[in-house]
N, C-alpha and C. Protein backbone atom coordinates (compact mmCIF):
# COMPACT_ATOMS: atom_id res chain seq x y z
N MET A 1 7.66 -37.74 -38.45
CA MET A 1 8.19 -37.41 -37.14
C MET A 1 7.91 -39.01 -36.02
N PHE A 2 6.62 -39.53 -36.43
CA PHE A 2 7.03 -40.48 -35.61
C PHE A 2 8.01 -41.81 -35.66
N PRO A 3 8.42 -41.77 -37.18
CA PRO A 3 9.88 -42.65 -36.95
C PRO A 3 11.01 -42.60 -35.83
N LYS A 4 11.12 -40.76 -36.47
CA LYS A 4 12.29 -40.43 -35.03
C LYS A 4 11.58 -40.73 -33.61
N ILE A 5 11.00 -40.94 -33.23
CA ILE A 5 10.25 -41.13 -31.70
C ILE A 5 10.49 -42.63 -31.57
N LEU A 6 10.31 -43.51 -32.44
CA LEU A 6 10.43 -45.16 -32.57
C LEU A 6 12.11 -44.96 -32.28
N MET A 7 12.80 -44.13 -32.97
CA MET A 7 14.27 -44.35 -33.02
C MET A 7 14.61 -43.98 -31.63
N LYS A 8 14.05 -42.86 -30.55
CA LYS A 8 14.47 -42.35 -29.63
C LYS A 8 14.37 -43.45 -28.75
N ILE A 9 13.33 -44.20 -28.81
CA ILE A 9 12.28 -45.27 -27.77
C ILE A 9 13.44 -46.44 -28.12
N THR A 10 14.06 -47.13 -29.02
CA THR A 10 15.10 -47.71 -29.38
C THR A 10 16.20 -47.41 -28.63
N ASP A 11 16.47 -46.15 -28.40
CA ASP A 11 17.91 -45.29 -27.67
C ASP A 11 17.81 -45.69 -26.59
N LEU A 12 16.71 -45.05 -25.90
CA LEU A 12 16.00 -45.25 -24.48
C LEU A 12 16.12 -46.67 -24.14
N ARG A 13 15.94 -47.46 -24.85
CA ARG A 13 16.00 -49.22 -24.50
C ARG A 13 17.45 -49.30 -24.49
N SER A 14 18.25 -48.53 -25.12
CA SER A 14 19.95 -49.51 -25.23
C SER A 14 20.33 -48.97 -23.56
N ILE A 15 19.83 -47.23 -23.40
CA ILE A 15 20.41 -46.43 -22.00
C ILE A 15 19.88 -47.68 -20.79
N SER A 16 19.16 -47.69 -21.32
CA SER A 16 18.23 -48.68 -19.57
C SER A 16 18.73 -49.71 -19.70
N ALA A 17 19.11 -50.71 -20.65
CA ALA A 17 19.84 -51.70 -20.39
C ALA A 17 21.20 -51.85 -19.88
N LYS A 18 22.02 -50.63 -20.58
CA LYS A 18 23.69 -50.34 -19.63
C LYS A 18 23.49 -49.89 -18.18
N GLY A 19 22.07 -49.17 -18.16
CA GLY A 19 22.57 -48.76 -16.67
C GLY A 19 21.54 -50.45 -15.64
N ALA A 20 21.00 -51.50 -16.07
CA ALA A 20 20.52 -52.12 -15.71
C ALA A 20 21.18 -53.09 -15.57
N GLU A 21 22.47 -52.89 -16.49
CA GLU A 21 23.87 -53.91 -15.94
C GLU A 21 24.47 -53.18 -14.83
N ARG A 22 25.09 -52.06 -15.39
CA ARG A 22 25.80 -51.33 -14.13
C ARG A 22 25.07 -51.65 -12.67
N VAL A 23 23.80 -51.49 -12.72
CA VAL A 23 23.12 -51.70 -11.36
C VAL A 23 23.60 -53.64 -10.99
N ILE A 24 23.18 -53.95 -11.60
CA ILE A 24 24.03 -55.57 -11.20
C ILE A 24 24.88 -55.80 -10.86
N THR A 25 25.91 -55.11 -11.56
CA THR A 25 27.46 -55.06 -11.28
C THR A 25 27.67 -54.15 -10.05
N LEU A 26 27.09 -53.05 -10.27
CA LEU A 26 27.33 -52.73 -8.75
C LEU A 26 26.91 -53.06 -7.09
N LYS A 27 25.56 -53.94 -7.58
CA LYS A 27 25.26 -55.11 -6.32
C LYS A 27 26.45 -56.53 -5.95
N MET A 28 27.16 -56.36 -7.02
CA MET A 28 27.61 -57.32 -6.84
C MET A 28 29.03 -56.87 -6.44
N GLU A 29 29.78 -55.78 -6.98
CA GLU A 29 30.80 -54.70 -5.94
C GLU A 29 30.67 -54.25 -4.74
N ILE A 30 29.55 -53.96 -4.17
CA ILE A 30 29.38 -53.38 -3.13
C ILE A 30 29.13 -54.50 -1.99
N PRO A 31 29.82 -54.87 -1.04
CA PRO A 31 29.50 -55.53 -0.39
C PRO A 31 28.25 -54.92 0.77
N GLY A 32 27.91 -56.30 1.19
CA GLY A 32 26.69 -55.97 1.99
C GLY A 32 25.35 -55.08 1.71
N SER A 33 24.61 -54.25 2.20
CA SER A 33 23.84 -53.76 1.58
C SER A 33 24.03 -52.43 0.72
N MET A 34 23.18 -52.22 -0.44
CA MET A 34 23.66 -50.55 -1.08
C MET A 34 22.95 -50.23 -0.10
N PRO A 35 24.25 -48.51 -0.39
CA PRO A 35 23.87 -47.27 0.56
C PRO A 35 22.73 -46.90 0.17
N PRO A 36 21.97 -45.77 1.09
CA PRO A 36 20.58 -45.81 1.06
C PRO A 36 20.82 -44.62 -0.01
N LEU A 37 21.58 -43.94 -0.52
CA LEU A 37 21.25 -42.96 -1.86
C LEU A 37 21.03 -43.89 -3.11
N ILE A 38 21.78 -44.83 -2.81
CA ILE A 38 21.27 -45.69 -4.40
C ILE A 38 20.20 -46.91 -4.41
N GLN A 39 19.72 -46.93 -2.99
CA GLN A 39 18.52 -48.03 -3.01
C GLN A 39 17.18 -46.50 -3.10
N GLU A 40 17.36 -45.14 -2.76
CA GLU A 40 16.29 -44.34 -3.42
C GLU A 40 16.56 -44.67 -4.94
N MET A 41 17.42 -44.44 -5.14
CA MET A 41 17.51 -43.87 -6.79
C MET A 41 17.12 -45.14 -7.35
N LEU A 42 17.44 -46.59 -6.92
CA LEU A 42 16.81 -47.60 -7.92
C LEU A 42 15.16 -48.01 -7.62
N GLU A 43 14.62 -47.10 -6.64
CA GLU A 43 13.35 -47.36 -6.39
C GLU A 43 12.15 -46.56 -7.53
N ASN A 44 11.09 -47.25 -7.39
CA ASN A 44 10.32 -46.76 -9.26
C ASN A 44 9.25 -46.11 -8.59
N SER A 45 9.08 -44.26 -8.78
CA SER A 45 8.29 -43.68 -8.00
C SER A 45 6.71 -44.05 -8.30
N GLU A 46 6.92 -44.71 -9.44
CA GLU A 46 5.66 -44.69 -10.20
C GLU A 46 4.00 -46.05 -9.70
N GLY A 47 4.81 -47.05 -8.08
CA GLY A 47 4.47 -48.00 -7.65
C GLY A 47 4.22 -48.89 -7.92
N HIS A 48 5.33 -48.90 -9.06
CA HIS A 48 5.75 -50.54 -9.74
C HIS A 48 6.42 -50.78 -8.46
N GLU A 49 7.11 -52.17 -8.55
CA GLU A 49 7.61 -52.95 -7.83
C GLU A 49 9.12 -52.25 -7.91
N PRO A 50 9.90 -52.03 -6.95
CA PRO A 50 11.66 -51.79 -7.18
C PRO A 50 12.22 -53.21 -7.74
N LEU A 51 13.54 -52.90 -7.51
CA LEU A 51 14.50 -53.72 -8.50
C LEU A 51 14.81 -55.02 -7.92
N THR A 52 14.39 -54.67 -6.54
CA THR A 52 15.10 -55.86 -5.38
C THR A 52 13.31 -56.98 -5.26
N PRO A 53 14.31 -57.74 -5.37
CA PRO A 53 13.11 -59.16 -5.69
C PRO A 53 11.70 -58.76 -4.23
N SER A 54 10.88 -59.19 -4.30
CA SER A 54 9.59 -58.55 -3.27
C SER A 54 9.46 -59.82 -2.71
N SER A 55 8.56 -60.09 -1.12
CA SER A 55 8.44 -61.07 -0.69
C SER A 55 7.39 -62.14 -1.16
N SER A 56 6.36 -60.89 -1.93
CA SER A 56 5.57 -62.04 -2.55
C SER A 56 5.35 -62.53 -3.69
N GLY A 57 6.06 -62.45 -4.72
CA GLY A 57 6.90 -62.95 -5.08
C GLY A 57 5.60 -62.58 -6.63
N ASN A 58 4.91 -62.01 -6.86
CA ASN A 58 3.73 -61.25 -7.44
C ASN A 58 4.01 -61.14 -8.62
N THR A 59 4.18 -62.04 -9.66
CA THR A 59 4.64 -61.13 -11.25
C THR A 59 3.46 -60.32 -12.38
N ALA A 60 2.57 -61.14 -11.69
CA ALA A 60 1.08 -60.78 -13.03
C ALA A 60 1.32 -59.22 -12.55
N GLU A 61 1.21 -58.24 -11.83
CA GLU A 61 0.66 -57.21 -11.93
C GLU A 61 1.76 -56.62 -13.02
N HIS A 62 2.68 -56.82 -13.86
CA HIS A 62 3.20 -56.00 -14.26
C HIS A 62 3.06 -56.14 -15.97
N SER A 63 3.42 -55.45 -16.92
CA SER A 63 2.35 -54.96 -18.33
C SER A 63 4.13 -55.59 -19.00
N PRO A 64 3.34 -56.16 -19.76
CA PRO A 64 3.57 -56.41 -21.42
C PRO A 64 4.52 -55.29 -21.72
N SER A 65 5.70 -55.58 -22.13
CA SER A 65 6.39 -54.25 -22.85
C SER A 65 6.31 -54.41 -24.43
N ILE A 66 6.10 -53.30 -25.22
CA ILE A 66 5.55 -53.28 -26.43
C ILE A 66 6.98 -53.26 -27.13
N SER A 67 7.41 -53.45 -28.00
CA SER A 67 8.78 -53.62 -28.99
C SER A 67 8.27 -52.35 -30.42
N PRO A 68 9.24 -51.33 -30.83
CA PRO A 68 8.90 -50.57 -31.69
C PRO A 68 8.04 -51.80 -33.06
N SER A 69 8.83 -52.51 -33.23
CA SER A 69 8.26 -53.23 -34.09
C SER A 69 6.45 -53.74 -34.24
N SER A 70 6.44 -54.04 -32.99
CA SER A 70 4.99 -54.25 -32.88
C SER A 70 3.70 -53.22 -32.60
N VAL A 71 4.54 -51.95 -32.54
CA VAL A 71 3.92 -50.86 -32.56
C VAL A 71 3.84 -50.12 -34.48
N GLU A 72 4.95 -50.97 -35.01
CA GLU A 72 4.64 -50.35 -36.15
C GLU A 72 3.76 -51.47 -36.99
N ASN A 73 3.26 -52.31 -36.62
CA ASN A 73 2.36 -53.61 -37.07
C ASN A 73 1.27 -53.52 -36.40
N SER A 74 0.66 -52.61 -35.37
CA SER A 74 0.05 -52.59 -35.01
C SER A 74 -1.24 -52.24 -35.48
N GLY A 75 -1.10 -51.44 -37.17
CA GLY A 75 -2.17 -51.06 -37.30
C GLY A 75 -2.94 -49.67 -37.11
N VAL A 76 -1.72 -48.57 -36.07
CA VAL A 76 -2.53 -47.70 -35.74
C VAL A 76 -2.05 -46.11 -36.34
N SER A 77 -2.96 -45.98 -36.65
CA SER A 77 -2.47 -44.32 -38.07
C SER A 77 -1.81 -43.52 -36.91
N GLN A 78 -1.37 -42.37 -37.75
CA GLN A 78 -0.27 -41.44 -36.68
C GLN A 78 -1.75 -40.55 -36.78
N SER A 79 -1.93 -39.80 -35.68
CA SER A 79 -2.89 -38.90 -35.06
C SER A 79 -2.54 -37.38 -36.47
N PRO A 80 -3.46 -36.73 -37.08
CA PRO A 80 -3.38 -35.54 -37.67
C PRO A 80 -2.62 -34.30 -36.65
N LEU A 81 -3.18 -34.18 -35.04
CA LEU A 81 -2.16 -33.25 -34.43
C LEU A 81 -1.21 -33.48 -34.71
N VAL A 82 -0.72 -34.43 -34.75
CA VAL A 82 1.06 -34.93 -35.24
C VAL A 82 1.64 -34.66 -36.31
N GLN A 83 2.60 -33.90 -36.26
CA GLN A 83 3.21 -33.47 -37.77
C GLN A 83 4.51 -33.76 -37.26
């Protein structure tokens, strides 16, 4: 089951990358500021910075991403409860 989860993570990453490309395209296509609905959709409700550049410029708060290969090579064994 763990390999299937890792495959889903890679699928989600590709979907996320496509979405990010679309956001960049939308920003270029829409003159002026983005519509409020799209701005609301782009806001991250988990407390992270939104996709727009912040005035503080502090990037130290971002956590590093974990690649599937680093998870596989980390030596973490699968929990006996997950089958």
